[in-house]
C-alpha atoms as a PDB file:
ATOM      1  CA  MET A   1      78.038 -34.285   5.247  1.00  0.00           C
ATOM      2  CA  ASN A   2      74.798 -36.048   6.260  1.00  0.00           C
ATOM      3  CA  ALA A   3      76.091 -37.079   9.685  1.00  0.00           C
ATOM      4  CA  PRO A   4      74.630 -35.133  12.628  1.00  0.00           C
ATOM      5  CA  LEU A   5      76.390 -31.839  13.076  1.00  0.00           C
ATOM      6  CA  ALA A   6      78.510 -31.308  16.144  1.00  0.00           C
ATOM      7  CA  ALA A   7      76.654 -29.578  18.973  1.00  0.00           C
ATOM      8  CA  LYS A   8      79.380 -26.931  19.303  1.00  0.00           C
ATOM      9  CA  GLN A   9      79.606 -26.141  15.596  1.00  0.00           C
ATOM     10  CA  THR A  10      79.456 -22.439  14.815  1.00  0.00           C
ATOM     11  CA  PRO A  11      75.976 -21.513  13.578  1.00  0.00           C
ATOM     12  CA  ARG A  12      75.823 -20.365   9.967  1.00  0.00           C
ATOM     13  CA  LEU A  13      73.039 -18.242   8.499  1.00  0.00           C
ATOM     14  CA  LEU A  14      71.977 -17.339   4.974  1.00  0.00           C
ATOM     15  CA  MET A  15      70.910 -13.722   4.453  1.00  0.00           C
ATOM     16  CA  CYS A  16      70.138 -11.312   1.607  1.00  0.00           C
ATOM     17  CA  ARG A  17      70.710  -7.566   1.640  1.00  0.00           C
ATOM     18  CA  PRO A  18      67.510  -5.507   1.168  1.00  0.00           C
ATOM     19  CA  ARG A  19      68.628  -3.694  -1.975  1.00  0.00           C
ATOM     20  CA  PHE A  20      65.328  -4.465  -3.749  1.00  0.00           C
ATOM     21  CA  PHE A  21      63.132  -4.869  -0.688  1.00  0.00           C
ATOM     22  CA  ALA A  22      59.697  -3.303  -1.201  1.00  0.00           C
ATOM     23  CA  VAL A  23      56.012  -3.948  -0.612  1.00  0.00           C
ATOM     24  CA  ASN A  24      54.543  -3.802  -4.102  1.00  0.00           C
ATOM     25  CA  TYR A  25      52.065  -6.671  -3.746  1.00  0.00           C
ATOM     26  CA  SER A  26      50.072  -8.194  -0.908  1.00  0.00           C
ATOM     27  CA  ILE A  27      50.126 -11.869   0.065  1.00  0.00           C
ATOM     28  CA  ASN A  28      49.451 -11.481   3.790  1.00  0.00           C
ATOM     29  CA  PRO A  29      47.362  -9.061   5.885  1.00  0.00           C
ATOM     30  CA  TRP A  30      50.397  -7.056   7.026  1.00  0.00           C
ATOM     31  CA  MET A  31      51.438  -6.070   3.494  1.00  0.00           C
ATOM     32  CA  ASP A  32      50.115  -2.669   2.374  1.00  0.00           C
ATOM     33  CA  PRO A  33      51.458  -1.587  -1.039  1.00  0.00           C
ATOM     34  CA  ALA A  34      49.579   1.728  -0.817  1.00  0.00           C
ATOM     35  CA  ALA A  35      51.310   2.627   2.438  1.00  0.00           C
ATOM     36  CA  TRP A  36      54.677   1.707   0.924  1.00  0.00           C
ATOM     37  CA  ALA A  37      53.946   3.792  -2.167  1.00  0.00           C
ATOM     38  CA  ARG A  38      53.279   6.858  -0.039  1.00  0.00           C
ATOM     39  CA  ASP A  39      56.735   6.796   1.545  1.00  0.00           C
ATOM     40  CA  GLY A  40      58.698   3.953  -0.038  1.00  0.00           C
ATOM     41  CA  ALA A  41      62.071   5.703  -0.044  1.00  0.00           C
ATOM     42  CA  ALA A  42      61.955   6.264   3.715  1.00  0.00           C
ATOM     43  CA  HIS A  43      60.800   2.700   4.359  1.00  0.00           C
ATOM     44  CA  ALA A  44      63.554   1.287   2.148  1.00  0.00           C
ATOM     45  CA  ALA A  45      66.207   3.363   3.905  1.00  0.00           C
ATOM     46  CA  ARG A  46      64.934   2.224   7.267  1.00  0.00           C
ATOM     47  CA  ALA A  47      64.941  -1.415   6.147  1.00  0.00           C
ATOM     48  CA  ALA A  48      68.582  -1.053   5.089  1.00  0.00           C
ATOM     49  CA  ARG A  49      69.548   0.359   8.497  1.00  0.00           C
ATOM     50  CA  GLN A  50      67.620  -2.378  10.255  1.00  0.00           C
ATOM     51  CA  TRP A  51      69.206  -5.131   8.169  1.00  0.00           C
ATOM     52  CA  THR A  52      72.676  -3.788   8.940  1.00  0.00           C
ATOM     53  CA  ALA A  53      71.909  -3.699  12.662  1.00  0.00           C
ATOM     54  CA  LEU A  54      70.677  -7.279  12.660  1.00  0.00           C
ATOM     55  CA  HIS A  55      73.603  -8.502  10.573  1.00  0.00           C
ATOM     56  CA  ARG A  56      75.939  -6.891  13.103  1.00  0.00           C
ATOM     57  CA  ALA A  57      74.040  -8.396  16.036  1.00  0.00           C
ATOM     58  CA  LEU A  58      74.086 -11.909  14.587  1.00  0.00           C
ATOM     59  CA  ARG A  59      77.801 -11.743  13.832  1.00  0.00           C
ATOM     60  CA  GLY A  60      78.404 -10.361  17.312  1.00  0.00           C
ATOM     61  CA  ALA A  61      76.550 -13.370  18.724  1.00  0.00           C
ATOM     62  CA  GLY A  62      78.971 -15.692  16.932  1.00  0.00           C
ATOM     63  CA  ALA A  63      77.142 -16.584  13.728  1.00  0.00           C
ATOM     64  CA  LYS A  64      78.834 -16.942  10.353  1.00  0.00           C
ATOM     65  CA  ILE A  65      76.773 -15.451   7.556  1.00  0.00           C
ATOM     66  CA  ASP A  66      76.612 -16.280   3.859  1.00  0.00           C
ATOM     67  CA  LEU A  67      74.843 -13.919   1.472  1.00  0.00           C
ATOM     68  CA  VAL A  68      72.465 -14.389  -1.438  1.00  0.00           C
ATOM     69  CA  ASP A  69      72.719 -11.648  -4.054  1.00  0.00           C
ATOM     70  CA  PRO A  70      69.560  -9.488  -4.144  1.00  0.00           C
ATOM     71  CA  GLN A  71      67.568  -9.667  -7.362  1.00  0.00           C
ATOM     72  CA  PRO A  72      65.291  -7.102  -9.064  1.00  0.00           C
ATOM     73  CA  ASP A  73      61.583  -7.968  -8.925  1.00  0.00           C
ATOM     74  CA  LEU A  74      62.111 -10.368  -5.999  1.00  0.00           C
ATOM     75  CA  PRO A  75      61.517  -8.126  -2.961  1.00  0.00           C
ATOM     76  CA  ASP A  76      60.823 -11.037  -0.600  1.00  0.00           C
ATOM     77  CA  LEU A  77      64.165 -12.693  -1.332  1.00  0.00           C
ATOM     78  CA  VAL A  78      65.321 -11.057   1.891  1.00  0.00           C
ATOM     79  CA  PHE A  79      63.227 -13.565   3.878  1.00  0.00           C
ATOM     80  CA  THR A  80      65.803 -16.308   3.502  1.00  0.00           C
ATOM     81  CA  ALA A  81      64.419 -18.504   6.282  1.00  0.00           C
ATOM     82  CA  ASN A  82      61.788 -19.425   3.707  1.00  0.00           C
ATOM     83  CA  ALA A  83      64.481 -20.714   1.345  1.00  0.00           C
ATOM     84  CA  ALA A  84      64.807 -24.242   2.676  1.00  0.00           C
ATOM     85  CA  VAL A  85      64.641 -26.667   5.558  1.00  0.00           C
ATOM     86  CA  VAL A  86      68.176 -27.636   6.612  1.00  0.00           C
ATOM     87  CA  LEU A  87      69.127 -30.489   8.931  1.00  0.00           C
ATOM     88  CA  ASP A  88      72.327 -32.497   9.330  1.00  0.00           C
ATOM     89  CA  GLY A  89      73.899 -31.094   6.194  1.00  0.00           C
ATOM     90  CA  LYS A  90      70.862 -31.752   3.976  1.00  0.00           C
ATOM     91  CA  ALA A  91      68.747 -28.988   2.435  1.00  0.00           C
ATOM     92  CA  LEU A  92      65.154 -29.404   1.249  1.00  0.00           C
ATOM     93  CA  LEU A  93      64.418 -26.388  -0.930  1.00  0.00           C
ATOM     94  CA  ALA A  94      61.178 -24.436  -0.660  1.00  0.00           C
ATOM     95  CA  ARG A  95      58.279 -24.589  -3.062  1.00  0.00           C
ATOM     96  CA  PHE A  96      56.294 -21.342  -2.814  1.00  0.00           C
ATOM     97  CA  ARG A  97      52.503 -21.132  -2.965  1.00  0.00           C
ATOM     98  CA  HIS A  98      52.189 -17.617  -4.355  1.00  0.00           C
ATOM     99  CA  GLY A  99      53.368 -16.789  -7.855  1.00  0.00           C
ATOM    100  CA  GLU A 100      54.940 -13.581  -6.600  1.00  0.00           C
ATOM    101  CA  ARG A 101      57.573 -15.637  -4.776  1.00  0.00           C
ATOM    102  CA  ARG A 102      58.159 -18.515  -7.166  1.00  0.00           C
ATOM    103  CA  GLY A 103      60.906 -16.592  -8.917  1.00  0.00           C
ATOM    104  CA  GLU A 104      62.947 -17.049  -5.742  1.00  0.00           C
ATOM    105  CA  GLU A 105      63.139 -20.814  -6.229  1.00  0.00           C
ATOM    106  CA  PRO A 106      65.910 -20.887  -8.894  1.00  0.00           C
ATOM    107  CA  VAL A 107      67.854 -18.231  -6.992  1.00  0.00           C
ATOM    108  CA  PHE A 108      67.865 -20.304  -3.815  1.00  0.00           C
ATOM    109  CA  LEU A 109      68.636 -23.462  -5.789  1.00  0.00           C
ATOM    110  CA  ALA A 110      71.754 -21.802  -7.197  1.00  0.00           C
ATOM    111  CA  ALA A 111      72.712 -20.473  -3.753  1.00  0.00           C
ATOM    112  CA  PHE A 112      72.464 -23.875  -2.097  1.00  0.00           C
ATOM    113  CA  ARG A 113      74.311 -25.585  -4.945  1.00  0.00           C
ATOM    114  CA  ALA A 114      77.112 -23.078  -4.398  1.00  0.00           C
ATOM    115  CA  LEU A 115      77.111 -23.867  -0.676  1.00  0.00           C
ATOM    116  CA  GLN A 116      77.265 -27.559  -1.554  1.00  0.00           C
ATOM    117  CA  GLN A 117      80.274 -26.984  -3.789  1.00  0.00           C
ATOM    118  CA  ARG A 118      81.990 -25.261  -0.855  1.00  0.00           C
ATOM    119  CA  GLY A 119      81.315 -28.280   1.365  1.00  0.00           C
ATOM    120  CA  LEU A 120      78.877 -26.418   3.617  1.00  0.00           C
ATOM    121  CA  ILE A 121      75.872 -28.514   2.541  1.00  0.00           C
ATOM    122  CA  GLY A 122      76.037 -32.235   1.866  1.00  0.00           C
ATOM    123  CA  SER A 123      72.988 -32.631  -0.367  1.00  0.00           C
ATOM    124  CA  VAL A 124      70.278 -30.466  -1.889  1.00  0.00           C
ATOM    125  CA  GLU A 125      66.773 -31.828  -2.493  1.00  0.00           C
ATOM    126  CA  GLU A 126      63.763 -30.205  -4.168  1.00  0.00           C
ATOM    127  CA  MET A 127      60.106 -30.421  -3.188  1.00  0.00           C
ATOM    128  CA  PRO A 128      57.832 -32.201  -5.667  1.00  0.00           C
ATOM    129  CA  ALA A 129      56.015 -29.922  -8.084  1.00  0.00           C
ATOM    130  CA  GLY A 130      52.648 -28.822  -6.771  1.00  0.00           C
ATOM    131  CA  VAL A 131      53.480 -29.430  -3.087  1.00  0.00           C
ATOM    132  CA  PRO A 132      54.201 -26.088  -1.427  1.00  0.00           C
ATOM    133  CA  LEU A 133      56.491 -25.985   1.605  1.00  0.00           C
ATOM    134  CA  GLU A 134      57.903 -22.583   2.460  1.00  0.00           C
ATOM    135  CA  GLY A 135      61.123 -23.643   4.118  1.00  0.00           C
ATOM    136  CA  ALA A 136      61.776 -22.946   7.767  1.00  0.00           C
ATOM    137  CA  GLY A 137      58.935 -20.475   7.771  1.00  0.00           C
ATOM    138  CA  ASP A 138      56.702 -23.513   8.178  1.00  0.00           C
ATOM    139  CA  CYS A 139      59.103 -26.223   9.351  1.00  0.00           C
ATOM    140  CA  ILE A 140      60.726 -25.749  12.765  1.00  0.00           C
ATOM    141  CA  TRP A 141      63.179 -28.193  14.315  1.00  0.00           C
ATOM    142  CA  ASP A 142      62.636 -29.150  17.952  1.00  0.00           C
ATOM    143  CA  PRO A 143      65.974 -30.470  19.292  1.00  0.00           C
ATOM    144  CA  LYS A 144      64.520 -31.805  22.540  1.00  0.00           C
ATOM    145  CA  ARG A 145      61.837 -33.904  20.875  1.00  0.00           C
ATOM    146  CA  SER A 146      63.862 -34.663  17.719  1.00  0.00           C
ATOM    147  CA  LEU A 147      61.026 -33.738  15.409  1.00  0.00           C
ATOM    148  CA  PHE A 148      59.847 -31.028  13.056  1.00  0.00           C
ATOM    149  CA  TRP A 149      56.784 -28.933  13.792  1.00  0.00           C
ATOM    150  CA  MET A 150      55.218 -28.137  10.403  1.00  0.00           C
ATOM    151  CA  GLY A 151      52.701 -25.359   9.816  1.00  0.00           C
ATOM    152  CA  CYS A 152      50.181 -25.954   7.055  1.00  0.00           C
ATOM    153  CA  GLY A 153      47.268 -24.178   5.465  1.00  0.00           C
ATOM    154  CA  PRO A 154      48.037 -20.621   4.305  1.00  0.00           C
ATOM    155  CA  ARG A 155      51.394 -21.331   2.648  1.00  0.00           C
ATOM    156  CA  SER A 156      52.450 -24.978   3.010  1.00  0.00           C
ATOM    157  CA  ASP A 157      50.443 -28.116   2.207  1.00  0.00           C
ATOM    158  CA  ALA A 158      49.835 -30.869   4.714  1.00  0.00           C
ATOM    159  CA  ALA A 159      51.097 -33.259   2.003  1.00  0.00           C
ATOM    160  CA  ALA A 160      54.586 -31.799   2.522  1.00  0.00           C
ATOM    161  CA  ARG A 161      54.771 -33.626   5.847  1.00  0.00           C
ATOM    162  CA  ALA A 162      55.509 -36.958   4.177  1.00  0.00           C
ATOM    163  CA  VAL A 163      58.242 -35.371   2.043  1.00  0.00           C
ATOM    164  CA  VAL A 164      59.913 -33.896   5.130  1.00  0.00           C
ATOM    165  CA  GLU A 165      59.788 -37.217   6.965  1.00  0.00           C
ATOM    166  CA  ASP A 166      61.158 -39.145   3.986  1.00  0.00           C
ATOM    167  CA  THR A 167      63.931 -36.614   3.379  1.00  0.00           C
ATOM    168  CA  PHE A 168      65.213 -36.301   6.942  1.00  0.00           C
ATOM    169  CA  GLY A 169      64.096 -39.564   8.540  1.00  0.00           C
ATOM    170  CA  VAL A 170      62.423 -37.856  11.497  1.00  0.00           C
ATOM    171  CA  GLU A 171      58.836 -37.225  12.541  1.00  0.00           C
ATOM    172  CA  ALA A 172      57.046 -34.102  11.303  1.00  0.00           C
ATOM    173  CA  VAL A 173      53.986 -32.959  13.254  1.00  0.00           C
ATOM    174  CA  ALA A 174      51.439 -31.028  11.180  1.00  0.00           C
ATOM    175  CA  LEU A 175      50.006 -27.914  12.832  1.00  0.00           C
ATOM    176  CA  PRO A 176      47.146 -26.398  10.800  1.00  0.00           C
ATOM    177  CA  LEU A 177      47.080 -22.601  11.015  1.00  0.00           C
ATOM    178  CA  ALA A 178      43.825 -20.689  11.453  1.00  0.00           C
ATOM    179  CA  ASP A 179      44.617 -16.947  11.434  1.00  0.00           C
ATOM    180  CA  PRO A 180      45.785 -15.345   8.159  1.00  0.00           C
ATOM    181  CA  ARG A 181      47.914 -12.862  10.114  1.00  0.00           C
ATOM    182  CA  PHE A 182      50.062 -15.805  11.197  1.00  0.00           C
ATOM    183  CA  TYR A 183      50.595 -17.241   7.752  1.00  0.00           C
ATOM    184  CA  HIS A 184      53.843 -19.068   8.588  1.00  0.00           C
ATOM    185  CA  LEU A 185      54.398 -21.252  11.638  1.00  0.00           C
ATOM    186  CA  ASP A 186      57.454 -19.238  12.624  1.00  0.00           C
ATOM    187  CA  THR A 187      55.303 -16.154  13.187  1.00  0.00           C
ATOM    188  CA  ALA A 188      53.469 -17.864  16.065  1.00  0.00           C
ATOM    189  CA  PHE A 189      55.626 -20.736  17.340  1.00  0.00           C
ATOM    190  CA  CYS A 190      59.142 -21.221  18.674  1.00  0.00           C
ATOM    191  CA  ALA A 191      60.737 -24.394  20.054  1.00  0.00           C
ATOM    192  CA  LEU A 192      63.206 -23.179  22.677  1.00  0.00           C
ATOM    193  CA  PRO A 193      66.488 -24.979  23.395  1.00  0.00           C
ATOM    194  CA  CYS A 194      65.444 -25.626  27.016  1.00  0.00           C
ATOM    195  CA  GLY A 195      62.557 -27.760  25.746  1.00  0.00           C
ATOM    196  CA  ALA A 196      59.823 -25.192  26.274  1.00  0.00           C
ATOM    197  CA  VAL A 197      57.582 -24.177  23.381  1.00  0.00           C
ATOM    198  CA  MET A 198      56.415 -20.586  22.936  1.00  0.00           C
ATOM    199  CA  TYR A 199      53.271 -20.253  20.832  1.00  0.00           C
ATOM    200  CA  TYR A 200      50.155 -18.194  20.211  1.00  0.00           C
ATOM    201  CA  PRO A 201      47.074 -20.423  20.665  1.00  0.00           C
ATOM    202  CA  GLY A 202      44.917 -18.183  18.468  1.00  0.00           C
ATOM    203  CA  ALA A 203      47.061 -18.964  15.430  1.00  0.00           C
ATOM    204  CA  PHE A 204      46.095 -22.654  15.397  1.00  0.00           C
ATOM    205  CA  THR A 205      43.062 -24.779  14.683  1.00  0.00           C
ATOM    206  CA  ALA A 206      41.729 -27.044  17.421  1.00  0.00           C
ATOM    207  CA  GLU A 207      43.578 -29.890  15.725  1.00  0.00           C
ATOM    208  CA  GLY A 208      46.841 -27.963  15.798  1.00  0.00           C
ATOM    209  CA  LEU A 209      46.483 -27.043  19.467  1.00  0.00           C
ATOM    210  CA  ALA A 210      45.721 -30.657  20.339  1.00  0.00           C
ATOM    211  CA  ALA A 211      48.930 -31.770  18.616  1.00  0.00           C
ATOM    212  CA  ILE A 212      50.969 -29.254  20.616  1.00  0.00           C
ATOM    213  CA  HIS A 213      49.341 -30.181  23.905  1.00  0.00           C
ATOM    214  CA  GLN A 214      49.799 -33.880  23.238  1.00  0.00           C
ATOM    215  CA  ARG A 215      53.565 -33.523  22.843  1.00  0.00           C
ATOM    216  CA  VAL A 216      54.424 -30.587  25.116  1.00  0.00           C
ATOM    217  CA  ALA A 217      53.880 -30.883  28.864  1.00  0.00           C
ATOM    218  CA  PRO A 218      51.902 -28.055  30.517  1.00  0.00           C
ATOM    219  CA  ALA A 219      54.988 -26.840  32.383  1.00  0.00           C
ATOM    220  CA  GLU A 220      56.812 -26.434  29.051  1.00  0.00           C
ATOM    221  CA  ARG A 221      54.103 -24.412  27.296  1.00  0.00           C
ATOM    222  CA  ILE A 222      54.508 -20.644  27.017  1.00  0.00           C
ATOM    223  CA  ALA A 223      51.216 -19.379  25.624  1.00  0.00           C
ATOM    224  CA  LEU A 224      51.370 -15.838  24.259  1.00  0.00           C
ATOM    225  CA  GLY A 225      48.544 -13.336  24.442  1.00  0.00           C
ATOM    226  CA  PRO A 226      47.343 -11.422  21.364  1.00  0.00           C
ATOM    227  CA  ALA A 227      49.437  -8.303  22.057  1.00  0.00           C
ATOM    228  CA  ASP A 228      52.712 -10.221  22.258  1.00  0.00           C
ATOM    229  CA  ALA A 229      51.741 -12.442  19.339  1.00  0.00           C
ATOM    230  CA  GLU A 230      51.058  -9.433  17.120  1.00  0.00           C
ATOM    231  CA  ARG A 231      54.561  -8.182  17.909  1.00  0.00           C
ATOM    232  CA  PHE A 232      55.843 -11.572  16.727  1.00  0.00           C
ATOM    233  CA  ALA A 233      57.313 -12.436  20.109  1.00  0.00           C
ATOM    234  CA  ALA A 234      57.543 -16.098  19.068  1.00  0.00           C
ATOM    235  CA  ASN A 235      59.678 -15.298  16.022  1.00  0.00           C
ATOM    236  CA  ALA A 236      63.220 -15.786  17.330  1.00  0.00           C
ATOM    237  CA  VAL A 237      66.617 -17.301  16.704  1.00  0.00           C
ATOM    238  CA  HIS A 238      68.837 -19.490  18.895  1.00  0.00           C
ATOM    239  CA  LEU A 239      72.502 -19.487  17.966  1.00  0.00           C
ATOM    240  CA  GLY A 240      74.327 -22.675  18.845  1.00  0.00           C
ATOM    241  CA  GLY A 241      74.119 -22.671  22.619  1.00  0.00           C
ATOM    242  CA  ARG A 242      74.193 -18.895  23.007  1.00  0.00           C
ATOM    243  CA  HIS A 243      71.133 -17.205  24.459  1.00  0.00           C
ATOM    244  CA  ARG A 244      70.701 -13.696  23.147  1.00  0.00           C
ATOM    245  CA  ASP A 245      67.915 -11.195  23.639  1.00  0.00           C
ATOM    246  CA  VAL A 246      67.174 -10.031  20.124  1.00  0.00           C
ATOM    247  CA  GLU A 247      64.194  -7.850  21.059  1.00  0.00           C
ATOM    248  CA  ARG A 248      66.383  -4.766  20.945  1.00  0.00           C
ATOM    249  CA  GLU A 249      67.375  -5.798  17.417  1.00  0.00           C
ATOM    250  CA  ARG A 250      63.794  -6.248  16.193  1.00  0.00           C
ATOM    251  CA  ALA A 251      64.233  -3.178  14.029  1.00  0.00           C
ATOM    252  CA  ALA A 252      66.424  -5.297  11.803  1.00  0.00           C
ATOM    253  CA  ALA A 253      63.653  -7.730  11.058  1.00  0.00           C
ATOM    254  CA  PRO A 254      62.113  -6.391   7.857  1.00  0.00           C
ATOM    255  CA  ALA A 255      64.889  -7.495   5.595  1.00  0.00           C
ATOM    256  CA  ALA A 256      66.756 -10.259   7.244  1.00  0.00           C
ATOM    257  CA  ARG A 257      65.121 -13.468   8.304  1.00  0.00           C
ATOM    258  CA  GLY A 258      68.057 -15.849   7.903  1.00  0.00           C
ATOM    259  CA  ALA A 259      68.148 -19.518   6.915  1.00  0.00           C
ATOM    260  CA  ARG A 260      70.121 -21.595   9.399  1.00  0.00           C
ATOM    261  CA  LEU A 261      72.696 -23.771   7.649  1.00  0.00           C
ATOM    262  CA  SER A 262      74.455 -25.393  10.575  1.00  0.00           C
ATOM    263  CA  GLY A 263      74.873 -25.531  14.329  1.00  0.00           C
ATOM    264  CA  ASP A 264      72.969 -27.424  17.041  1.00  0.00           C
ATOM    265  CA  ARG A 265      71.735 -29.948  14.448  1.00  0.00           C
ATOM    266  CA  ALA A 266      69.642 -27.014  13.382  1.00  0.00           C
ATOM    267  CA  ALA A 267      66.925 -26.607  10.833  1.00  0.00           C
ATOM    268  CA  ALA A 268      66.642 -23.408   8.844  1.00  0.00           C
ATOM    269  CA  ARG A 269      65.394 -20.836  11.335  1.00  0.00           C
ATOM    270  CA  CYS A 270      64.542 -17.207  11.368  1.00  0.00           C
ATOM    271  CA  VAL A 271      65.312 -13.950  13.000  1.00  0.00           C
ATOM    272  CA  PRO A 272      62.570 -11.742  14.415  1.00  0.00           C
ATOM    273  CA  GLN A 273      60.053 -10.611  11.849  1.00  0.00           C
ATOM    274  CA  GLU A 274      58.231  -7.331  11.419  1.00  0.00           C
ATOM    275  CA  ARG A 275      54.761  -6.607  10.146  1.00  0.00           C
ATOM    276  CA  ARG A 276      56.114  -7.001   6.633  1.00  0.00           C
ATOM    277  CA  LEU A 277      55.760  -3.323   5.688  1.00  0.00           C
ATOM    278  CA  GLY A 278      59.347  -2.706   6.685  1.00  0.00           C
ATOM    279  CA  LEU A 279      58.553  -1.010   9.996  1.00  0.00           C
ATOM    280  CA  LEU A 280      58.794  -1.804  13.670  1.00  0.00           C
ATOM    281  CA  PRO A 281      56.012  -4.052  15.012  1.00  0.00           C
ATOM    282  CA  ASP A 282      54.212  -1.167  16.647  1.00  0.00           C
ATOM    283  CA  ALA A 283      54.073   0.899  13.462  1.00  0.00           C
ATOM    284  CA  ALA A 284      51.018   1.117  11.254  1.00  0.00           C
ATOM    285  CA  ALA A 285      50.927  -1.636   8.653  1.00  0.00           C
END
């Protein structure tokens, strides 16, 4: 199961229905519990519709989807791209920085053990205690360069880089993040299958930008402006050789960032993300 996955293998995603999705605490600038409290029922209903639309779109694009059962008191369980980093049949489970999300860790451990028992994952590893790494939210596979880009600062520790490299036997390039609105790397960075990299320069420190520029040729850099970045234009999914415009499905984002399990030697990746309130990107957060 640890051999490189076949390039034509059907992509497989891990998702969680938004049954308990809510914004009842704040761990990033987009989260507004007061706004949710004013109209939570409407937001929850909209999140459910959006999740269903995205689930349908991903299946229509050829993905196979496995589900994690929603759990009370774990509203962010829906963001399953944060569950783990997955490459070549090996999963490195997340270690969350904020206490509000640490209850997700045993749930994802059980989910990946179940996937292992079904033969869908070859091995399951855990991050060392005290070393946060929030899955594919901060660890993005670049198939052209055969390396991981790893965001660090707000959620994941730079020390996680060595764990990633030891676990997968590939280089991990640390990219320190500078803007709290872009708290995960996948909110501001996307390695495209053609070799280009889409990113928002304002999300990174000078050190992080230098690392990108050192490894990505000018012709392969797609630098986003603030308006596109704030709509999370870099937060995207590539499904096993298929190119799909998911912008029209952005409404599905609030409850459905999916962890990639297989396909294109793929790491856990994500689907487009909203401003975390459960609304479209252009709605008030």
